Amino acid sequence: MKYIIISGSSDIGSAIIDDLIRKGHDIIYTYNSRKVARFKKLLCFKLDISSRKNIQEFTKNKELNNWDNLIVLPGTQNPIGLFNETSGEDWIKSVDINFTNQMYLIREMIPKKSSKKNK
């Protein structure tokens, strides 16, 4: 099976990838700041989930076609503080990273999903 792990460079993403490697699956992962050194044999792409333009560019990669499982892991805990004492712009960024842009990414990836019927 072909897995695409969004934010595979995170601790949780790396643990999932380790397990999938042991099981012999094909894996593509994304990173935002740095690749994972131990995954140098895996195909990876830089993806800034906060940017819809970057999401559009990412989803044009033909290597992403025919995926079986899409695991979406990015997120932020920011802004930290009392709601009325934190920036409204920071809340907008948080909602975009933690929800809106993830849904946008999934919507863009659905047409690339494998059409196998036996899943």
PDB file of N, CA and C in Angstrom:
ATOM      1  N   MET A   1       0.831  -1.182   0.000  1.00  0.00           N
ATOM      2  CA  MET A   1       0.000   0.000   0.000  1.00  0.00           C
ATOM      3  C   MET A   1       0.878   1.248   0.000  1.00  0.00           C
ATOM      4  N   LYS A   2       0.340   2.299  -0.577  1.00  0.00           N
ATOM      5  CA  LYS A   2       1.061   3.568  -0.656  1.00  0.00           C
ATOM      6  C   LYS A   2       0.479   4.539   0.372  1.00  0.00           C
ATOM      7  N   TYR A   3       1.340   4.994   1.271  1.00  0.00           N
ATOM      8  CA  TYR A   3       0.966   5.936   2.314  1.00  0.00           C
ATOM      9  C   TYR A   3       1.578   7.297   2.031  1.00  0.00           C
ATOM     10  N   ILE A   4       0.804   8.338   2.257  1.00  0.00           N
ATOM     11  CA  ILE A   4       1.326   9.696   2.244  1.00  0.00           C
ATOM     12  C   ILE A   4       1.124  10.241   3.653  1.00  0.00           C
ATOM     13  N   ILE A   5       2.231  10.626   4.275  1.00  0.00           N
ATOM     14  CA  ILE A   5       2.211  11.116   5.646  1.00  0.00           C
ATOM     15  C   ILE A   5       2.494  12.617   5.607  1.00  0.00           C
ATOM     16  N   ILE A   6       1.485  13.409   5.902  1.00  0.00           N
ATOM     17  CA  ILE A   6       1.656  14.853   5.952  1.00  0.00           C
ATOM     18  C   ILE A   6       2.189  15.197   7.344  1.00  0.00           C
ATOM     19  N   SER A   7       3.344  15.829   7.376  1.00  0.00           N
ATOM     20  CA  SER A   7       4.088  16.143   8.594  1.00  0.00           C
ATOM     21  C   SER A   7       4.755  14.883   9.154  1.00  0.00           C
ATOM     22  N   GLY A   8       5.326  14.115   8.254  1.00  0.00           N
ATOM     23  CA  GLY A   8       6.029  12.896   8.645  1.00  0.00           C
ATOM     24  C   GLY A   8       7.296  13.159   9.421  1.00  0.00           C
ATOM     25  N   SER A   9       7.767  14.383   9.436  1.00  0.00           N
ATOM     26  CA  SER A   9       8.974  14.709  10.200  1.00  0.00           C
ATOM     27  C   SER A   9       8.669  14.959  11.672  1.00  0.00           C
ATOM     28  N   SER A  10       7.394  15.020  12.039  1.00  0.00           N
ATOM     29  CA  SER A  10       7.028  15.193  13.450  1.00  0.00           C
ATOM     30  C   SER A  10       7.333  13.901  14.213  1.00  0.00           C
ATOM     31  N   ASP A  11       7.339  13.977  15.521  1.00  0.00           N
ATOM     32  CA  ASP A  11       7.610  12.775  16.326  1.00  0.00           C
ATOM     33  C   ASP A  11       6.584  11.674  16.055  1.00  0.00           C
ATOM     34  N   ILE A  12       5.320  12.042  16.022  1.00  0.00           N
ATOM     35  CA  ILE A  12       4.271  11.047  15.759  1.00  0.00           C
ATOM     36  C   ILE A  12       4.397  10.526  14.333  1.00  0.00           C
ATOM     37  N   GLY A  13       4.622  11.416  13.380  1.00  0.00           N
ATOM     38  CA  GLY A  13       4.783  11.011  11.988  1.00  0.00           C
ATOM     39  C   GLY A  13       5.953  10.062  11.805  1.00  0.00           C
ATOM     40  N   SER A  14       7.072  10.360  12.438  1.00  0.00           N
ATOM     41  CA  SER A  14       8.254   9.500  12.330  1.00  0.00           C
ATOM     42  C   SER A  14       7.996   8.117  12.919  1.00  0.00           C
ATOM     43  N   ALA A  15       7.274   8.064  14.032  1.00  0.00           N
ATOM     44  CA  ALA A  15       6.941   6.770  14.639  1.00  0.00           C
ATOM     45  C   ALA A  15       6.035   5.959  13.718  1.00  0.00           C
ATOM     46  N   ILE A  16       5.070   6.602  13.092  1.00  0.00           N
ATOM     47  CA  ILE A  16       4.180   5.918  12.143  1.00  0.00           C
ATOM     48  C   ILE A  16       4.995   5.402  10.956  1.00  0.00           C
ATOM     49  N   ILE A  17       5.893   6.239  10.440  1.00  0.00           N
ATOM     50  CA  ILE A  17       6.720   5.829   9.300  1.00  0.00           C
ATOM     51  C   ILE A  17       7.588   4.639   9.668  1.00  0.00           C
ATOM     52  N   ASP A  18       8.189   4.647  10.851  1.00  0.00           N
ATOM     53  CA  ASP A  18       9.003   3.505  11.297  1.00  0.00           C
ATOM     54  C   ASP A  18       8.188   2.215  11.241  1.00  0.00           C
ATOM     55  N   ASP A  19       6.955   2.263  11.727  1.00  0.00           N
ATOM     56  CA  ASP A  19       6.082   1.088  11.721  1.00  0.00           C
ATOM     57  C   ASP A  19       5.728   0.667  10.298  1.00  0.00           C
ATOM     58  N   LEU A  20       5.431   1.624   9.434  1.00  0.00           N
ATOM     59  CA  LEU A  20       5.067   1.303   8.052  1.00  0.00           C
ATOM     60  C   LEU A  20       6.252   0.737   7.272  1.00  0.00           C
ATOM     61  N   ILE A  21       7.444   1.213   7.559  1.00  0.00           N
ATOM     62  CA  ILE A  21       8.645   0.664   6.917  1.00  0.00           C
ATOM     63  C   ILE A  21       8.803  -0.806   7.287  1.00  0.00           C
ATOM     64  N   ARG A  22       8.636  -1.115   8.579  1.00  0.00           N
ATOM     65  CA  ARG A  22       8.744  -2.517   9.036  1.00  0.00           C
ATOM     66  C   ARG A  22       7.723  -3.407   8.323  1.00  0.00           C
ATOM     67  N   LYS A  23       6.587  -2.853   7.974  1.00  0.00           N
ATOM     68  CA  LYS A  23       5.525  -3.618   7.319  1.00  0.00           C
ATOM     69  C   LYS A  23       5.659  -3.628   5.801  1.00  0.00           C
ATOM     70  N   GLY A  24       6.665  -2.927   5.272  1.00  0.00           N
ATOM     71  CA  GLY A  24       6.958  -2.978   3.845  1.00  0.00           C
ATOM     72  C   GLY A  24       6.104  -2.100   2.945  1.00  0.00           C
ATOM     73  N   HIS A  25       5.535  -1.059   3.457  1.00  0.00           N
ATOM     74  CA  HIS A  25       4.681  -0.179   2.654  1.00  0.00           C
ATOM     75  C   HIS A  25       5.503   0.880   1.916  1.00  0.00           C
ATOM     76  N   ASP A  26       4.927   1.396   0.831  1.00  0.00           N
ATOM     77  CA  ASP A  26       5.509   2.534   0.127  1.00  0.00           C
ATOM     78  C   ASP A  26       5.088   3.795   0.875  1.00  0.00           C
ATOM     79  N   ILE A  27       6.057   4.689   1.097  1.00  0.00           N
ATOM     80  CA  ILE A  27       5.791   5.862   1.920  1.00  0.00           C
ATOM     81  C   ILE A  27       6.355   7.112   1.261  1.00  0.00           C
ATOM     82  N   ILE A  28       5.550   8.156   1.270  1.00  0.00           N
ATOM     83  CA  ILE A  28       5.986   9.502   0.918  1.00  0.00           C
ATOM     84  C   ILE A  28       5.634  10.360   2.127  1.00  0.00           C
ATOM     85  N   TYR A  29       6.569  11.207   2.546  1.00  0.00           N
ATOM     86  CA  TYR A  29       6.257  12.061   3.685  1.00  0.00           C
ATOM     87  C   TYR A  29       6.594  13.514   3.393  1.00  0.00           C
ATOM     88  N   THR A  30       6.015  14.400   4.194  1.00  0.00           N
ATOM     89  CA  THR A  30       6.326  15.823   4.071  1.00  0.00           C
ATOM     90  C   THR A  30       7.032  16.299   5.325  1.00  0.00           C
ATOM     91  N   TYR A  31       7.752  17.383   5.152  1.00  0.00           N
ATOM     92  CA  TYR A  31       8.414  18.069   6.259  1.00  0.00           C
ATOM     93  C   TYR A  31       8.243  19.565   6.028  1.00  0.00           C
ATOM     94  N   ASN A  32       8.378  20.327   7.086  1.00  0.00           N
ATOM     95  CA  ASN A  32       8.314  21.778   6.932  1.00  0.00           C
ATOM     96  C   ASN A  32       9.695  22.395   7.116  1.00  0.00           C
ATOM     97  N   SER A  33      10.399  22.011   8.169  1.00  0.00           N
ATOM     98  CA  SER A  33      11.690  22.648   8.422  1.00  0.00           C
ATOM     99  C   SER A  33      12.875  21.768   8.067  1.00  0.00           C
ATOM    100  N   ARG A  34      12.781  20.463   8.323  1.00  0.00           N
ATOM    101  CA  ARG A  34      13.921  19.603   7.987  1.00  0.00           C
ATOM    102  C   ARG A  34      13.475  18.170   7.716  1.00  0.00           C
ATOM    103  N   LYS A  35      14.235  17.538   6.817  1.00  0.00           N
ATOM    104  CA  LYS A  35      13.997  16.130   6.511  1.00  0.00           C
ATOM    105  C   LYS A  35      14.445  15.280   7.693  1.00  0.00           C
ATOM    106  N   VAL A  36      13.976  14.043   7.740  1.00  0.00           N
ATOM    107  CA  VAL A  36      14.391  13.110   8.781  1.00  0.00           C
ATOM    108  C   VAL A  36      15.555  12.301   8.222  1.00  0.00           C
ATOM    109  N   ALA A  37      16.719  12.408   8.842  1.00  0.00           N
ATOM    110  CA  ALA A  37      17.947  11.797   8.326  1.00  0.00           C
ATOM    111  C   ALA A  37      17.804  10.294   8.117  1.00  0.00           C
ATOM    112  N   ARG A  38      17.138   9.614   9.010  1.00  0.00           N
ATOM    113  CA  ARG A  38      17.047   8.149   8.888  1.00  0.00           C
ATOM    114  C   ARG A  38      16.099   7.700   7.775  1.00  0.00           C
ATOM    115  N   PHE A  39      15.353   8.622   7.201  1.00  0.00           N
ATOM    116  CA  PHE A  39      14.433   8.290   6.110  1.00  0.00           C
ATOM    117  C   PHE A  39      14.991   8.720   4.756  1.00  0.00           C
ATOM    118  N   LYS A  40      16.305   8.721   4.603  1.00  0.00           N
ATOM    119  CA  LYS A  40      16.908   9.244   3.373  1.00  0.00           C
ATOM    120  C   LYS A  40      16.537   8.443   2.131  1.00  0.00           C
ATOM    121  N   LYS A  41      16.059   7.208   2.286  1.00  0.00           N
ATOM    122  CA  LYS A  41      15.650   6.409   1.131  1.00  0.00           C
ATOM    123  C   LYS A  41      14.205   6.677   0.715  1.00  0.00           C
ATOM    124  N   LEU A  42      13.478   7.427   1.531  1.00  0.00           N
ATOM    125  CA  LEU A  42      12.076   7.716   1.234  1.00  0.00           C
ATOM    126  C   LEU A  42      11.940   9.008   0.445  1.00  0.00           C
ATOM    127  N   LEU A  43      10.934   9.049  -0.404  1.00  0.00           N
ATOM    128  CA  LEU A  43      10.617  10.263  -1.137  1.00  0.00           C
ATOM    129  C   LEU A  43       9.931  11.230  -0.172  1.00  0.00           C
ATOM    130  N   CYS A  44      10.379  12.487  -0.179  1.00  0.00           N
ATOM    131  CA  CYS A  44       9.773  13.468   0.708  1.00  0.00           C
ATOM    132  C   CYS A  44       9.666  14.809  -0.011  1.00  0.00           C
ATOM    133  N   PHE A  45       8.745  15.617   0.465  1.00  0.00           N
ATOM    134  CA  PHE A  45       8.508  16.934  -0.095  1.00  0.00           C
ATOM    135  C   PHE A  45       8.391  17.943   1.038  1.00  0.00           C
ATOM    136  N   LYS A  46       8.897  19.134   0.806  1.00  0.00           N
ATOM    137  CA  LYS A  46       8.702  20.230   1.750  1.00  0.00           C
ATOM    138  C   LYS A  46       7.280  20.738   1.566  1.00  0.00           C
ATOM    139  N   LEU A  47       6.569  20.927   2.671  1.00  0.00           N
ATOM    140  CA  LEU A  47       5.203  21.423   2.624  1.00  0.00           C
ATOM    141  C   LEU A  47       4.964  22.346   3.807  1.00  0.00           C
ATOM    142  N   ASP A  48       4.588  23.566   3.507  1.00  0.00           N
ATOM    143  CA  ASP A  48       4.190  24.537   4.527  1.00  0.00           C
ATOM    144  C   ASP A  48       2.669  24.558   4.528  1.00  0.00           C
ATOM    145  N   ILE A  49       2.064  23.878   5.489  1.00  0.00           N
ATOM    146  CA  ILE A  49       0.607  23.726   5.539  1.00  0.00           C
ATOM    147  C   ILE A  49      -0.097  25.067   5.781  1.00  0.00           C
ATOM    148  N   SER A  50       0.642  26.091   6.210  1.00  0.00           N
ATOM    149  CA  SER A  50       0.020  27.396   6.435  1.00  0.00           C
ATOM    150  C   SER A  50      -0.204  28.164   5.133  1.00  0.00           C
ATOM    151  N   SER A  51       0.344  27.651   4.024  1.00  0.00           N
ATOM    152  CA  SER A  51       0.248  28.347   2.743  1.00  0.00           C
ATOM    153  C   SER A  51      -0.580  27.542   1.739  1.00  0.00           C
ATOM    154  N   ARG A  52      -1.728  28.082   1.346  1.00  0.00           N
ATOM    155  CA  ARG A  52      -2.548  27.386   0.344  1.00  0.00           C
ATOM    156  C   ARG A  52      -1.832  27.312  -0.991  1.00  0.00           C
ATOM    157  N   LYS A  53      -1.038  28.325  -1.316  1.00  0.00           N
ATOM    158  CA  LYS A  53      -0.259  28.288  -2.555  1.00  0.00           C
ATOM    159  C   LYS A  53       0.737  27.129  -2.510  1.00  0.00           C
ATOM    160  N   ASN A  54       1.383  26.926  -1.362  1.00  0.00           N
ATOM    161  CA  ASN A  54       2.313  25.813  -1.224  1.00  0.00           C
ATOM    162  C   ASN A  54       1.582  24.475  -1.306  1.00  0.00           C
ATOM    163  N   ILE A  55       0.377  24.410  -0.761  1.00  0.00           N
ATOM    164  CA  ILE A  55      -0.435  23.194  -0.854  1.00  0.00           C
ATOM    165  C   ILE A  55      -0.755  22.898  -2.316  1.00  0.00           C
ATOM    166  N   GLN A  56      -1.147  23.924  -3.073  1.00  0.00           N
ATOM    167  CA  GLN A  56      -1.448  23.742  -4.501  1.00  0.00           C
ATOM    168  C   GLN A  56      -0.227  23.214  -5.252  1.00  0.00           C
ATOM    169  N   GLU A  57       0.935  23.787  -5.002  1.00  0.00           N
ATOM    170  CA  GLU A  57       2.164  23.338  -5.667  1.00  0.00           C
ATOM    171  C   GLU A  57       2.488  21.895  -5.283  1.00  0.00           C
ATOM    172  N   PHE A  58       2.349  21.581  -4.006  1.00  0.00           N
ATOM    173  CA  PHE A  58       2.623  20.228  -3.519  1.00  0.00           C
ATOM    174  C   PHE A  58       1.734  19.198  -4.203  1.00  0.00           C
ATOM    175  N   THR A  59       0.441  19.486  -4.310  1.00  0.00           N
ATOM    176  CA  THR A  59      -0.492  18.491  -4.839  1.00  0.00           C
ATOM    177  C   THR A  59      -0.362  18.287  -6.346  1.00  0.00           C
ATOM    178  N   LYS A  60       0.453  19.074  -7.018  1.00  0.00           N
ATOM    179  CA  LYS A  60       0.708  18.871  -8.449  1.00  0.00           C
ATOM    180  C   LYS A  60       1.720  17.762  -8.712  1.00  0.00           C
ATOM    181  N   ASN A  61       2.414  17.290  -7.664  1.00  0.00           N
ATOM    182  CA  ASN A  61       3.434  16.248  -7.847  1.00  0.00           C
ATOM    183  C   ASN A  61       2.799  14.931  -8.291  1.00  0.00           C
ATOM    184  N   LYS A  62       3.244  14.416  -9.417  1.00  0.00           N
ATOM    185  CA  LYS A  62       2.694  13.168  -9.954  1.00  0.00           C
ATOM    186  C   LYS A  62       3.008  11.961  -9.057  1.00  0.00           C
ATOM    187  N   GLU A  63       4.068  12.070  -8.255  1.00  0.00           N
ATOM    188  CA  GLU A  63       4.426  10.974  -7.345  1.00  0.00           C
ATOM    189  C   GLU A  63       3.344  10.721  -6.293  1.00  0.00           C
ATOM    190  N   LEU A  64       2.466  11.693  -6.102  1.00  0.00           N
ATOM    191  CA  LEU A  64       1.399  11.563  -5.112  1.00  0.00           C
ATOM    192  C   LEU A  64       0.188  10.802  -5.652  1.00  0.00           C
ATOM    193  N   ASN A  65       0.170  10.516  -6.935  1.00  0.00           N
ATOM    194  CA  ASN A  65      -0.956   9.793  -7.530  1.00  0.00           C
ATOM    195  C   ASN A  65      -1.055   8.380  -6.975  1.00  0.00           C
ATOM    196  N   ASN A  66      -2.267   7.872  -6.946  1.00  0.00           N
ATOM    197  CA  ASN A  66      -2.567   6.483  -6.576  1.00  0.00           C
ATOM    198  C   ASN A  66      -2.203   6.142  -5.138  1.00  0.00           C
ATOM    199  N   TRP A  67      -2.468   7.065  -4.229  1.00  0.00           N
ATOM    200  CA  TRP A  67      -2.229   6.773  -2.819  1.00  0.00           C
ATOM    201  C   TRP A  67      -3.390   5.958  -2.259  1.00  0.00           C
ATOM    202  N   ASP A  68      -3.061   5.159  -1.252  1.00  0.00           N
ATOM    203  CA  ASP A  68      -4.076   4.342  -0.585  1.00  0.00           C
ATOM    204  C   ASP A  68      -4.501   4.928   0.755  1.00  0.00           C
ATOM    205  N   ASN A  69      -3.528   5.483   1.486  1.00  0.00           N
ATOM    206  CA  ASN A  69      -3.792   6.020   2.817  1.00  0.00           C
ATOM    207  C   ASN A  69      -3.118   7.373   2.963  1.00  0.00           C
ATOM    208  N   LEU A  70      -3.881   8.337   3.409  1.00  0.00           N
ATOM    209  CA  LEU A  70      -3.389   9.689   3.638  1.00  0.00           C
ATOM    210  C   LEU A  70      -3.497   9.967   5.133  1.00  0.00           C
ATOM    211  N   ILE A  71      -2.371  10.260   5.759  1.00  0.00           N
ATOM    212  CA  ILE A  71      -2.346  10.558   7.189  1.00  0.00           C
ATOM    213  C   ILE A  71      -1.933  12.018   7.345  1.00  0.00           C
ATOM    214  N   VAL A  72      -2.801  12.811   7.957  1.00  0.00           N
ATOM    215  CA  VAL A  72      -2.596  14.257   8.064  1.00  0.00           C
ATOM    216  C   VAL A  72      -2.334  14.595   9.539  1.00  0.00           C
ATOM    217  N   LEU A  73      -1.118  15.069   9.831  1.00  0.00           N
ATOM    218  CA  LEU A  73      -0.698  15.265  11.216  1.00  0.00           C
ATOM    219  C   LEU A  73      -0.321  16.688  11.633  1.00  0.00           C
ATOM    220  N   PRO A  74      -0.232  17.660  10.750  1.00  0.00           N
ATOM    221  CA  PRO A  74       0.280  18.955  11.204  1.00  0.00           C
ATOM    222  C   PRO A  74      -0.656  19.639  12.193  1.00  0.00           C
ATOM    223  N   GLY A  75      -0.078  20.495  12.993  1.00  0.00           N
ATOM    224  CA  GLY A  75      -0.872  21.260  13.930  1.00  0.00           C
ATOM    225  C   GLY A  75      -0.017  22.221  14.725  1.00  0.00           C
ATOM    226  N   THR A  76      -0.678  23.143  15.360  1.00  0.00           N
ATOM    227  CA  THR A  76       0.001  24.100  16.221  1.00  0.00           C
ATOM    228  C   THR A  76      -0.829  24.305  17.478  1.00  0.00           C
ATOM    229  N   GLN A  77      -0.156  24.608  18.566  1.00  0.00           N
ATOM    230  CA  GLN A  77      -0.857  24.930  19.809  1.00  0.00           C
ATOM    231  C   GLN A  77      -1.014  26.439  19.974  1.00  0.00           C
ATOM    232  N   ASN A  78      -0.420  27.196  19.083  1.00  0.00           N
ATOM    233  CA  ASN A  78      -0.504  28.652  19.172  1.00  0.00           C
ATOM    234  C   ASN A  78      -1.864  29.140  18.713  1.00  0.00           C
ATOM    235  N   PRO A  79      -2.343  30.244  19.196  1.00  0.00           N
ATOM    236  CA  PRO A  79      -1.701  31.110  20.181  1.00  0.00           C
ATOM    237  C   PRO A  79      -1.931  30.592  21.598  1.00  0.00           C
ATOM    238  N   ILE A  80      -0.975  30.843  22.438  1.00  0.00           N
ATOM    239  CA  ILE A  80      -1.074  30.445  23.840  1.00  0.00           C
ATOM    240  C   ILE A  80      -1.387  31.684  24.657  1.00  0.00           C
ATOM    241  N   GLY A  81      -2.375  31.591  25.475  1.00  0.00           N
ATOM    242  CA  GLY A  81      -2.772  32.721  26.305  1.00  0.00           C
ATOM    243  C   GLY A  81      -4.284  32.833  26.353  1.00  0.00           C
ATOM    244  N   LEU A  82      -4.751  33.793  27.101  1.00  0.00           N
ATOM    245  CA  LEU A  82      -6.189  34.023  27.198  1.00  0.00           C
ATOM    246  C   LEU A  82      -6.710  34.509  25.852  1.00  0.00           C
ATOM    247  N   PHE A  83      -7.877  34.041  25.491  1.00  0.00           N
ATOM    248  CA  PHE A  83      -8.470  34.345  24.187  1.00  0.00           C
ATOM    249  C   PHE A  83      -8.507  35.850  23.920  1.00  0.00           C
ATOM    250  N   ASN A  84      -8.953  36.620  24.885  1.00  0.00           N
ATOM    251  CA  ASN A  84      -9.094  38.058  24.663  1.00  0.00           C
ATOM    252  C   ASN A  84      -7.762  38.810  24.779  1.00  0.00           C
ATOM    253  N   GLU A  85      -6.681  38.096  25.103  1.00  0.00           N
ATOM    254  CA  GLU A  85      -5.368  38.737  25.225  1.00  0.00           C
ATOM    255  C   GLU A  85      -4.399  38.288  24.127  1.00  0.00           C
ATOM    256  N   THR A  86      -4.890  37.492  23.198  1.00  0.00           N
ATOM    257  CA  THR A  86      -4.043  37.043  22.088  1.00  0.00           C
ATOM    258  C   THR A  86      -4.562  37.665  20.798  1.00  0.00           C
ATOM    259  N   SER A  87      -3.693  37.710  19.825  1.00  0.00           N
ATOM    260  CA  SER A  87      -3.992  38.369  18.558  1.00  0.00           C
ATOM    261  C   SER A  87      -5.059  37.608  17.759  1.00  0.00           C
ATOM    262  N   GLY A  88      -5.979  38.366  17.187  1.00  0.00           N
ATOM    263  CA  GLY A  88      -6.973  37.767  16.295  1.00  0.00           C
ATOM    264  C   GLY A  88      -6.317  37.132  15.084  1.00  0.00           C
ATOM    265  N   GLU A  89      -5.274  37.760  14.558  1.00  0.00           N
ATOM    266  CA  GLU A  89      -4.527  37.194  13.422  1.00  0.00           C
ATOM    267  C   GLU A  89      -3.899  35.856  13.802  1.00  0.00           C
ATOM    268  N   ASP A  90      -3.397  35.744  15.030  1.00  0.00           N
ATOM    269  CA  ASP A  90      -2.807  34.478  15.475  1.00  0.00           C
ATOM    270  C   ASP A  90      -3.863  33.377  15.526  1.00  0.00           C
ATOM    271  N   TRP A  91      -5.094  33.719  15.919  1.00  0.00           N
ATOM    272  CA  TRP A  91      -6.170  32.729  15.935  1.00  0.00           C
ATOM    273  C   TRP A  91      -6.537  32.291  14.519  1.00  0.00           C
ATOM    274  N   ILE A  92      -6.552  33.236  13.600  1.00  0.00           N
ATOM    275  CA  ILE A  92      -6.845  32.895  12.201  1.00  0.00           C
ATOM    276  C   ILE A  92      -5.785  31.931  11.668  1.00  0.00           C
ATOM    277  N   LYS A  93      -4.517  32.207  11.942  1.00  0.00           N
ATOM    278  CA  LYS A  93      -3.432  31.319  11.506  1.00  0.00           C
ATOM    279  C   LYS A  93      -3.587  29.930  12.123  1.00  0.00           C
ATOM    280  N   SER A  94      -3.946  29.896  13.405  1.00  0.00           N
ATOM    281  CA  SER A  94      -4.117  28.617  14.090  1.00  0.00           C
ATOM    282  C   SER A  94      -5.240  27.785  13.473  1.00  0.00           C
ATOM    283  N   VAL A  95      -6.373  28.418  13.216  1.00  0.00           N
ATOM    284  CA  VAL A  95      -7.505  27.706  12.604  1.00  0.00           C
ATOM    285  C   VAL A  95      -7.132  27.238  11.198  1.00  0.00           C
ATOM    286  N   ASP A  96      -6.408  28.061  10.450  1.00  0.00           N
ATOM    287  CA  ASP A  96      -5.961  27.651   9.110  1.00  0.00           C
ATOM    288  C   ASP A  96      -5.056  26.422   9.188  1.00  0.00           C
ATOM    289  N   ILE A  97      -4.075  26.436  10.075  1.00  0.00           N
ATOM    290  CA  ILE A  97      -3.142  25.311  10.180  1.00  0.00           C
ATOM    291  C   ILE A  97      -3.841  24.067  10.723  1.00  0.00           C
ATOM    292  N   ASN A  98      -4.658  24.233  11.744  1.00  0.00           N
ATOM    293  CA  ASN A  98      -5.254  23.088  12.433  1.00  0.00           C
ATOM    294  C   ASN A  98      -6.527  22.561  11.789  1.00  0.00           C
ATOM    295  N   PHE A  99      -7.121  23.318  10.882  1.00  0.00           N
ATOM    296  CA  PHE A  99      -8.352  22.838  10.267  1.00  0.00           C
ATOM    297  C   PHE A  99      -8.484  23.216   8.794  1.00  0.00           C
ATOM    298  N   THR A 100      -8.653  24.492   8.503  1.00  0.00           N
ATOM    299  CA  THR A 100      -9.021  24.933   7.160  1.00  0.00           C
ATOM    300  C   THR A 100      -8.054  24.428   6.092  1.00  0.00           C
ATOM    301  N   ASN A 101      -6.769  24.642   6.288  1.00  0.00           N
ATOM    302  CA  ASN A 101      -5.804  24.228   5.270  1.00  0.00           C
ATOM    303  C   ASN A 101      -5.659  22.717   5.198  1.00  0.00           C
ATOM    304  N   GLN A 102      -5.897  22.016   6.291  1.00  0.00           N
ATOM    305  CA  GLN A 102      -5.891  20.550   6.236  1.00  0.00           C
ATOM    306  C   GLN A 102      -7.051  20.053   5.373  1.00  0.00           C
ATOM    307  N   MET A 103      -8.224  20.655   5.541  1.00  0.00           N
ATOM    308  CA  MET A 103      -9.365  20.270   4.714  1.00  0.00           C
ATOM    309  C   MET A 103      -9.103  20.619   3.254  1.00  0.00           C
ATOM    310  N   TYR A 104      -8.480  21.757   3.018  1.00  0.00           N
ATOM    311  CA  TYR A 104      -8.126  22.158   1.652  1.00  0.00           C
ATOM    312  C   TYR A 104      -7.176  21.133   1.034  1.00  0.00           C
ATOM    313  N   LEU A 105      -6.170  20.713   1.783  1.00  0.00           N
ATOM    314  CA  LEU A 105      -5.217  19.709   1.306  1.00  0.00           C
ATOM    315  C   LEU A 105      -5.926  18.390   0.988  1.00  0.00           C
ATOM    316  N   ILE A 106      -6.765  17.930   1.876  1.00  0.00           N
ATOM    317  CA  ILE A 106      -7.491  16.665   1.651  1.00  0.00           C
ATOM    318  C   ILE A 106      -8.343  16.775   0.389  1.00  0.00           C
ATOM    319  N   ARG A 107      -9.025  17.886   0.235  1.00  0.00           N
ATOM    320  CA  ARG A 107      -9.859  18.092  -0.965  1.00  0.00           C
ATOM    321  C   ARG A 107      -9.027  18.005  -2.233  1.00  0.00           C
ATOM    322  N   GLU A 108      -7.824  18.576  -2.212  1.00  0.00           N
ATOM    323  CA  GLU A 108      -6.943  18.538  -3.374  1.00  0.00           C
ATOM    324  C   GLU A 108      -6.365  17.137  -3.611  1.00  0.00           C
ATOM    325  N   MET A 109      -6.249  16.343  -2.563  1.00  0.00           N
ATOM    326  CA  MET A 109      -5.654  15.008  -2.679  1.00  0.00           C
ATOM    327  C   MET A 109      -6.652  13.925  -3.086  1.00  0.00           C
ATOM    328  N   ILE A 110      -7.917  14.123  -2.834  1.00  0.00           N
ATOM    329  CA  ILE A 110      -8.921  13.092  -3.133  1.00  0.00           C
ATOM    330  C   ILE A 110      -8.876  12.621  -4.593  1.00  0.00           C
ATOM    331  N   PRO A 111      -8.745  13.498  -5.582  1.00  0.00           N
ATOM    332  CA  PRO A 111      -8.698  13.020  -6.971  1.00  0.00           C
ATOM    333  C   PRO A 111      -7.467  12.149  -7.268  1.00  0.00           C
ATOM    334  N   LYS A 112      -6.457  12.198  -6.417  1.00  0.00           N
ATOM    335  CA  LYS A 112      -5.230  11.434  -6.626  1.00  0.00           C
ATOM    336  C   LYS A 112      -5.283  10.061  -5.954  1.00  0.00           C
ATOM    337  N   LYS A 113      -6.364   9.784  -5.254  1.00  0.00           N
ATOM    338  CA  LYS A 113      -6.500   8.528  -4.518  1.00  0.00           C
ATOM    339  C   LYS A 113      -6.568   7.341  -5.468  1.00  0.00           C
ATOM    340  N   SER A 114      -6.057   6.228  -5.016  1.00  0.00           N
ATOM    341  CA  SER A 114      -6.118   5.004  -5.800  1.00  0.00           C
ATOM    342  C   SER A 114      -7.577   4.618  -6.032  1.00  0.00           C
ATOM    343  N   SER A 115      -7.857   4.046  -7.164  1.00  0.00           N
ATOM    344  CA  SER A 115      -9.234   3.636  -7.472  1.00  0.00           C
ATOM    345  C   SER A 115      -9.457   2.153  -7.208  1.00  0.00           C
ATOM    346  N   LYS A 116      -8.536   1.487  -6.520  1.00  0.00           N
ATOM    347  CA  LYS A 116      -8.708   0.075  -6.200  1.00  0.00           C
ATOM    348  C   LYS A 116      -9.976  -0.126  -5.384  1.00  0.00           C
ATOM    349  N   LYS A 117     -10.735  -1.134  -5.734  1.00  0.00           N
ATOM    350  CA  LYS A 117     -12.027  -1.381  -5.091  1.00  0.00           C
ATOM    351  C   LYS A 117     -11.928  -2.304  -3.874  1.00  0.00           C
ATOM    352  N   ASN A 118     -10.813  -2.996  -3.691  1.00  0.00           N
ATOM    353  CA  ASN A 118     -10.707  -4.036  -2.677  1.00  0.00           C
ATOM    354  C   ASN A 118     -10.194  -3.518  -1.327  1.00  0.00           C
ATOM    355  N   LYS A 119     -10.482  -2.286  -0.999  1.00  0.00           N
ATOM    356  CA  LYS A 119     -10.028  -1.753   0.284  1.00  0.00           C
ATOM    357  C   LYS A 119     -11.185  -1.611   1.230  1.00  0.00           C
TER     358      LYS A 119
END
